[in-house]
Amino acid sequence: MSEALKCPECGSEHVYQDGPLWICPECAHEWTGSAPEAGEAGERVIHDANGNVLADGDTVSVIKDLKIKGSSQVVKGGTKVKGIRLVDGADGHDIACKIPGFGAMNLKSEFVKKV
C-alpha cells in the first residue's frame, strides 16, 4: 500500500483495494484509480462512458441515439461534438456544448466517449 494514498473524503490512511475500487473502512467511501482524483483542490472529475477523464475543450462522440426533450429530433450515435465545456448542470447534465444542426444543449457524460 502506498504511503501517499489517503481517502479523499476523510483523509484516512487505512485504505485497501478491492478489484478496481479503493475502499476506506472508516467512512465507507469508494473510488477508482490508484489515487484520489478530486484531491486537495476539491474539484469535480467528470468521466466519459469508457472512464476517460474529460476536460474543457475536448472533442467527444455521442455513443447512442439521444432523443431531444420537447422535440421530435434525435442526435444520432457517432455525432462528434467539439469544444465541450464541463458544467455543474441539473439532472446529471454535466457537459455544455453546441451540436451542429441542433444548437446549444447539455449532455450527460455517460452518453459520450472521448475522441
N, C-alpha and C. Protein backbone atom coordinates (compact mmCIF):
# COMPACT_ATOMS: atom_id res chain seq x y z
N MET A 1 0.84 -1.18 0.00
CA MET A 1 0.00 0.00 0.00
C MET A 1 0.88 1.23 0.00
N SER A 2 0.54 2.20 -0.81
CA SER A 2 1.30 3.43 -0.92
C SER A 2 1.07 4.32 0.30
N GLU A 3 2.15 4.94 0.80
CA GLU A 3 2.00 5.81 1.96
C GLU A 3 1.27 7.10 1.60
N ALA A 4 1.36 7.53 0.35
CA ALA A 4 0.72 8.78 -0.08
C ALA A 4 -0.77 8.61 -0.33
N LEU A 5 -1.26 7.39 -0.43
CA LEU A 5 -2.66 7.16 -0.74
C LEU A 5 -3.52 7.34 0.50
N LYS A 6 -4.46 8.30 0.41
CA LYS A 6 -5.38 8.57 1.51
C LYS A 6 -6.78 8.68 0.96
N CYS A 7 -7.75 8.49 1.82
CA CYS A 7 -9.15 8.62 1.44
C CYS A 7 -9.44 10.09 1.10
N PRO A 8 -10.08 10.37 -0.06
CA PRO A 8 -10.39 11.75 -0.41
C PRO A 8 -11.50 12.36 0.45
N GLU A 9 -12.28 11.54 1.15
CA GLU A 9 -13.37 12.05 1.97
C GLU A 9 -12.92 12.39 3.39
N CYS A 10 -12.26 11.43 4.05
CA CYS A 10 -11.93 11.64 5.46
C CYS A 10 -10.42 11.76 5.72
N GLY A 11 -9.58 11.46 4.71
CA GLY A 11 -8.15 11.58 4.87
C GLY A 11 -7.49 10.39 5.55
N SER A 12 -8.21 9.33 5.78
CA SER A 12 -7.67 8.16 6.45
C SER A 12 -6.61 7.48 5.59
N GLU A 13 -5.56 6.98 6.23
CA GLU A 13 -4.51 6.25 5.53
C GLU A 13 -4.81 4.76 5.45
N HIS A 14 -5.87 4.31 6.08
CA HIS A 14 -6.23 2.89 6.13
C HIS A 14 -7.16 2.53 4.99
N VAL A 15 -6.66 2.57 3.75
CA VAL A 15 -7.47 2.23 2.59
C VAL A 15 -6.96 0.93 2.00
N TYR A 16 -7.85 0.22 1.31
CA TYR A 16 -7.46 -1.03 0.67
C TYR A 16 -8.13 -1.13 -0.69
N GLN A 17 -7.52 -1.97 -1.55
CA GLN A 17 -8.03 -2.14 -2.90
C GLN A 17 -8.86 -3.41 -2.98
N ASP A 18 -10.02 -3.30 -3.67
CA ASP A 18 -10.88 -4.45 -3.92
C ASP A 18 -11.22 -4.43 -5.41
N GLY A 19 -10.46 -5.16 -6.21
CA GLY A 19 -10.63 -5.12 -7.66
C GLY A 19 -10.22 -3.75 -8.16
N PRO A 20 -11.05 -3.09 -8.98
CA PRO A 20 -10.69 -1.77 -9.49
C PRO A 20 -10.99 -0.63 -8.50
N LEU A 21 -11.62 -0.94 -7.37
CA LEU A 21 -12.02 0.09 -6.41
C LEU A 21 -11.06 0.19 -5.24
N TRP A 22 -10.90 1.39 -4.72
CA TRP A 22 -10.22 1.63 -3.44
C TRP A 22 -11.31 1.92 -2.43
N ILE A 23 -11.20 1.37 -1.23
CA ILE A 23 -12.24 1.47 -0.20
C ILE A 23 -11.62 1.97 1.10
N CYS A 24 -12.33 2.91 1.74
CA CYS A 24 -11.92 3.40 3.05
C CYS A 24 -12.80 2.71 4.09
N PRO A 25 -12.21 1.94 5.01
CA PRO A 25 -13.02 1.24 6.01
C PRO A 25 -13.59 2.17 7.08
N GLU A 26 -13.05 3.38 7.21
CA GLU A 26 -13.53 4.28 8.25
C GLU A 26 -14.79 5.04 7.85
N CYS A 27 -14.87 5.48 6.57
CA CYS A 27 -16.06 6.24 6.16
C CYS A 27 -16.85 5.53 5.06
N ALA A 28 -16.36 4.37 4.58
CA ALA A 28 -17.01 3.56 3.54
C ALA A 28 -17.04 4.24 2.18
N HIS A 29 -16.14 5.20 1.93
CA HIS A 29 -16.06 5.86 0.63
C HIS A 29 -15.34 4.93 -0.35
N GLU A 30 -15.83 4.86 -1.61
CA GLU A 30 -15.21 4.05 -2.65
C GLU A 30 -14.87 4.92 -3.83
N TRP A 31 -13.70 4.66 -4.48
CA TRP A 31 -13.31 5.39 -5.66
C TRP A 31 -12.43 4.51 -6.53
N THR A 32 -12.29 4.90 -7.81
CA THR A 32 -11.47 4.13 -8.74
C THR A 32 -10.13 4.80 -8.91
N GLY A 33 -9.16 4.07 -9.42
CA GLY A 33 -7.83 4.62 -9.68
C GLY A 33 -6.88 4.35 -8.54
N SER A 34 -5.61 4.67 -8.77
CA SER A 34 -4.58 4.40 -7.77
C SER A 34 -4.47 5.52 -6.75
N ALA A 35 -5.04 6.68 -7.07
CA ALA A 35 -5.01 7.81 -6.15
C ALA A 35 -6.30 8.59 -6.31
N PRO A 36 -6.72 9.30 -5.27
CA PRO A 36 -7.93 10.11 -5.39
C PRO A 36 -7.73 11.20 -6.44
N GLU A 37 -8.70 11.34 -7.34
CA GLU A 37 -8.56 12.30 -8.41
C GLU A 37 -9.09 13.68 -8.02
N ALA A 38 -9.95 13.75 -7.05
CA ALA A 38 -10.52 15.03 -6.66
C ALA A 38 -9.76 15.59 -5.46
N GLY A 39 -8.50 15.31 -5.36
CA GLY A 39 -7.58 15.65 -4.28
C GLY A 39 -7.82 16.93 -3.51
N GLU A 40 -6.74 17.65 -3.22
CA GLU A 40 -6.80 18.80 -2.34
C GLU A 40 -7.66 19.93 -2.89
N ALA A 41 -7.67 20.10 -4.20
CA ALA A 41 -8.42 21.21 -4.80
C ALA A 41 -9.92 21.01 -4.64
N GLY A 42 -10.38 19.79 -4.51
CA GLY A 42 -11.80 19.52 -4.32
C GLY A 42 -12.61 19.67 -5.58
N GLU A 43 -11.95 19.75 -6.74
CA GLU A 43 -12.69 19.91 -7.97
C GLU A 43 -13.29 18.59 -8.42
N ARG A 44 -14.39 18.68 -9.13
CA ARG A 44 -15.12 17.51 -9.58
C ARG A 44 -14.47 16.95 -10.84
N VAL A 45 -14.29 15.65 -10.90
CA VAL A 45 -13.72 14.99 -12.06
C VAL A 45 -14.85 14.29 -12.80
N ILE A 46 -14.96 14.58 -14.11
CA ILE A 46 -16.03 14.02 -14.92
C ILE A 46 -15.43 13.01 -15.90
N HIS A 47 -16.05 11.82 -15.97
CA HIS A 47 -15.57 10.75 -16.83
C HIS A 47 -16.56 10.49 -17.95
N ASP A 48 -16.04 10.00 -19.09
CA ASP A 48 -16.93 9.61 -20.19
C ASP A 48 -17.43 8.18 -19.96
N ALA A 49 -18.10 7.61 -20.94
CA ALA A 49 -18.68 6.27 -20.80
C ALA A 49 -17.61 5.19 -20.63
N ASN A 50 -16.39 5.45 -21.11
CA ASN A 50 -15.31 4.47 -21.01
C ASN A 50 -14.41 4.71 -19.81
N GLY A 51 -14.69 5.73 -19.01
CA GLY A 51 -13.89 6.01 -17.83
C GLY A 51 -12.77 7.00 -18.05
N ASN A 52 -12.65 7.58 -19.25
CA ASN A 52 -11.63 8.59 -19.51
C ASN A 52 -12.02 9.91 -18.89
N VAL A 53 -11.04 10.64 -18.35
CA VAL A 53 -11.31 11.93 -17.73
C VAL A 53 -11.53 12.97 -18.82
N LEU A 54 -12.61 13.74 -18.70
CA LEU A 54 -12.93 14.79 -19.66
C LEU A 54 -12.45 16.14 -19.14
N ALA A 55 -12.11 17.04 -20.08
CA ALA A 55 -11.67 18.39 -19.74
C ALA A 55 -12.34 19.37 -20.69
N ASP A 56 -12.37 20.65 -20.30
CA ASP A 56 -12.91 21.69 -21.17
C ASP A 56 -12.16 21.70 -22.50
N GLY A 57 -12.90 21.83 -23.61
CA GLY A 57 -12.30 21.91 -24.92
C GLY A 57 -12.10 20.58 -25.61
N ASP A 58 -12.38 19.46 -24.94
CA ASP A 58 -12.23 18.14 -25.54
C ASP A 58 -13.25 17.94 -26.67
N THR A 59 -12.94 16.99 -27.54
CA THR A 59 -13.88 16.55 -28.57
C THR A 59 -14.41 15.19 -28.15
N VAL A 60 -15.73 15.04 -28.20
CA VAL A 60 -16.36 13.79 -27.80
C VAL A 60 -17.27 13.31 -28.92
N SER A 61 -17.66 12.04 -28.83
CA SER A 61 -18.58 11.44 -29.78
C SER A 61 -19.75 10.86 -29.01
N VAL A 62 -20.96 11.08 -29.49
CA VAL A 62 -22.16 10.54 -28.86
C VAL A 62 -22.19 9.03 -29.14
N ILE A 63 -22.45 8.20 -28.12
CA ILE A 63 -22.36 6.75 -28.29
C ILE A 63 -23.69 6.08 -28.63
N LYS A 64 -24.81 6.79 -28.48
CA LYS A 64 -26.10 6.20 -28.84
C LYS A 64 -27.05 7.31 -29.26
N ASP A 65 -28.13 6.94 -29.94
CA ASP A 65 -29.12 7.93 -30.36
C ASP A 65 -29.76 8.55 -29.13
N LEU A 66 -29.82 9.89 -29.11
CA LEU A 66 -30.39 10.60 -27.97
C LEU A 66 -31.59 11.41 -28.43
N LYS A 67 -32.74 11.15 -27.84
CA LYS A 67 -33.94 11.94 -28.14
C LYS A 67 -33.81 13.29 -27.47
N ILE A 68 -34.20 14.34 -28.17
CA ILE A 68 -34.16 15.68 -27.61
C ILE A 68 -35.51 15.97 -26.98
N LYS A 69 -35.47 16.31 -25.69
CA LYS A 69 -36.70 16.56 -24.95
C LYS A 69 -37.47 17.73 -25.56
N GLY A 70 -38.74 17.54 -25.80
CA GLY A 70 -39.59 18.59 -26.34
C GLY A 70 -39.48 18.75 -27.84
N SER A 71 -38.85 17.79 -28.51
CA SER A 71 -38.67 17.87 -29.95
C SER A 71 -38.79 16.47 -30.54
N SER A 72 -39.02 16.40 -31.83
CA SER A 72 -39.06 15.10 -32.49
C SER A 72 -37.71 14.72 -33.09
N GLN A 73 -36.70 15.58 -32.90
CA GLN A 73 -35.37 15.33 -33.45
C GLN A 73 -34.58 14.38 -32.57
N VAL A 74 -33.58 13.73 -33.18
CA VAL A 74 -32.71 12.79 -32.48
C VAL A 74 -31.26 13.10 -32.84
N VAL A 75 -30.39 13.15 -31.83
CA VAL A 75 -28.95 13.25 -32.06
C VAL A 75 -28.46 11.83 -32.29
N LYS A 76 -27.94 11.57 -33.47
CA LYS A 76 -27.54 10.22 -33.86
C LYS A 76 -26.25 9.80 -33.16
N GLY A 77 -26.13 8.53 -32.85
CA GLY A 77 -24.90 7.98 -32.31
C GLY A 77 -23.77 8.18 -33.29
N GLY A 78 -22.60 8.54 -32.80
CA GLY A 78 -21.45 8.80 -33.67
C GLY A 78 -21.27 10.27 -33.99
N THR A 79 -22.22 11.12 -33.60
CA THR A 79 -22.08 12.56 -33.84
C THR A 79 -20.92 13.11 -33.02
N LYS A 80 -19.99 13.83 -33.69
CA LYS A 80 -18.86 14.41 -32.98
C LYS A 80 -19.22 15.81 -32.49
N VAL A 81 -18.80 16.08 -31.26
CA VAL A 81 -19.05 17.38 -30.65
C VAL A 81 -17.71 17.95 -30.23
N LYS A 82 -17.37 19.13 -30.75
CA LYS A 82 -16.07 19.74 -30.47
C LYS A 82 -16.22 20.84 -29.43
N GLY A 83 -15.17 21.05 -28.66
CA GLY A 83 -15.11 22.18 -27.72
C GLY A 83 -16.15 22.12 -26.61
N ILE A 84 -16.21 21.02 -25.89
CA ILE A 84 -17.19 20.91 -24.80
C ILE A 84 -16.77 21.76 -23.61
N ARG A 85 -17.75 22.11 -22.77
CA ARG A 85 -17.49 22.79 -21.50
C ARG A 85 -18.10 21.94 -20.40
N LEU A 86 -17.34 21.73 -19.34
CA LEU A 86 -17.85 20.97 -18.20
C LEU A 86 -18.57 21.92 -17.25
N VAL A 87 -19.78 21.56 -16.87
CA VAL A 87 -20.60 22.40 -16.01
C VAL A 87 -21.22 21.56 -14.90
N ASP A 88 -21.67 22.21 -13.85
CA ASP A 88 -22.42 21.55 -12.80
C ASP A 88 -23.90 21.74 -13.11
N GLY A 89 -24.39 20.98 -14.06
CA GLY A 89 -25.76 21.13 -14.52
C GLY A 89 -26.75 20.34 -13.69
N ALA A 90 -28.00 20.65 -13.91
CA ALA A 90 -29.07 19.96 -13.20
C ALA A 90 -29.35 18.61 -13.86
N ASP A 91 -29.88 17.69 -13.13
CA ASP A 91 -30.30 16.38 -13.62
C ASP A 91 -29.17 15.56 -14.23
N GLY A 92 -27.92 15.79 -13.80
CA GLY A 92 -26.80 15.00 -14.29
C GLY A 92 -26.24 15.43 -15.63
N HIS A 93 -26.77 16.49 -16.21
CA HIS A 93 -26.25 17.01 -17.46
C HIS A 93 -25.01 17.84 -17.15
N ASP A 94 -23.82 17.26 -17.35
CA ASP A 94 -22.60 17.93 -16.93
C ASP A 94 -21.71 18.40 -18.08
N ILE A 95 -22.21 18.36 -19.32
CA ILE A 95 -21.47 18.86 -20.48
C ILE A 95 -22.34 19.86 -21.22
N ALA A 96 -21.82 21.07 -21.43
CA ALA A 96 -22.48 22.08 -22.24
C ALA A 96 -21.75 22.13 -23.58
N CYS A 97 -22.50 22.12 -24.68
CA CYS A 97 -21.86 22.08 -25.99
C CYS A 97 -22.80 22.63 -27.06
N LYS A 98 -22.24 22.78 -28.28
CA LYS A 98 -23.04 23.13 -29.44
C LYS A 98 -22.93 21.96 -30.41
N ILE A 99 -24.06 21.39 -30.77
CA ILE A 99 -24.08 20.27 -31.70
C ILE A 99 -24.52 20.81 -33.07
N PRO A 100 -23.70 20.55 -34.10
CA PRO A 100 -24.04 21.04 -35.44
C PRO A 100 -25.42 20.55 -35.88
N GLY A 101 -26.25 21.47 -36.33
CA GLY A 101 -27.60 21.13 -36.76
C GLY A 101 -28.65 21.17 -35.66
N PHE A 102 -28.21 21.29 -34.39
CA PHE A 102 -29.14 21.30 -33.26
C PHE A 102 -28.99 22.55 -32.40
N GLY A 103 -27.76 23.08 -32.29
CA GLY A 103 -27.51 24.25 -31.47
C GLY A 103 -26.99 23.88 -30.10
N ALA A 104 -27.09 24.82 -29.17
CA ALA A 104 -26.56 24.64 -27.82
C ALA A 104 -27.46 23.71 -27.01
N MET A 105 -26.82 22.79 -26.28
CA MET A 105 -27.56 21.89 -25.40
C MET A 105 -26.62 21.29 -24.37
N ASN A 106 -27.20 20.63 -23.39
CA ASN A 106 -26.43 19.95 -22.36
C ASN A 106 -26.56 18.45 -22.55
N LEU A 107 -25.45 17.74 -22.25
CA LEU A 107 -25.42 16.28 -22.37
C LEU A 107 -24.96 15.66 -21.06
N LYS A 108 -25.29 14.41 -20.88
CA LYS A 108 -24.77 13.64 -19.75
C LYS A 108 -23.48 12.96 -20.21
N SER A 109 -22.48 12.96 -19.36
CA SER A 109 -21.19 12.39 -19.72
C SER A 109 -21.26 10.89 -19.96
N GLU A 110 -22.26 10.21 -19.43
CA GLU A 110 -22.37 8.77 -19.61
C GLU A 110 -22.77 8.37 -21.02
N PHE A 111 -23.16 9.34 -21.85
CA PHE A 111 -23.57 9.05 -23.22
C PHE A 111 -22.57 9.54 -24.26
N VAL A 112 -21.36 9.88 -23.84
CA VAL A 112 -20.33 10.31 -24.78
C VAL A 112 -19.02 9.56 -24.51
N LYS A 113 -18.16 9.53 -25.53
CA LYS A 113 -16.83 8.98 -25.34
C LYS A 113 -15.83 9.98 -25.93
N LYS A 114 -14.67 10.05 -25.31
CA LYS A 114 -13.63 10.97 -25.74
C LYS A 114 -13.04 10.49 -27.05
N VAL A 115 -12.80 11.42 -27.97
CA VAL A 115 -12.24 11.08 -29.27
C VAL A 115 -10.76 11.34 -29.27
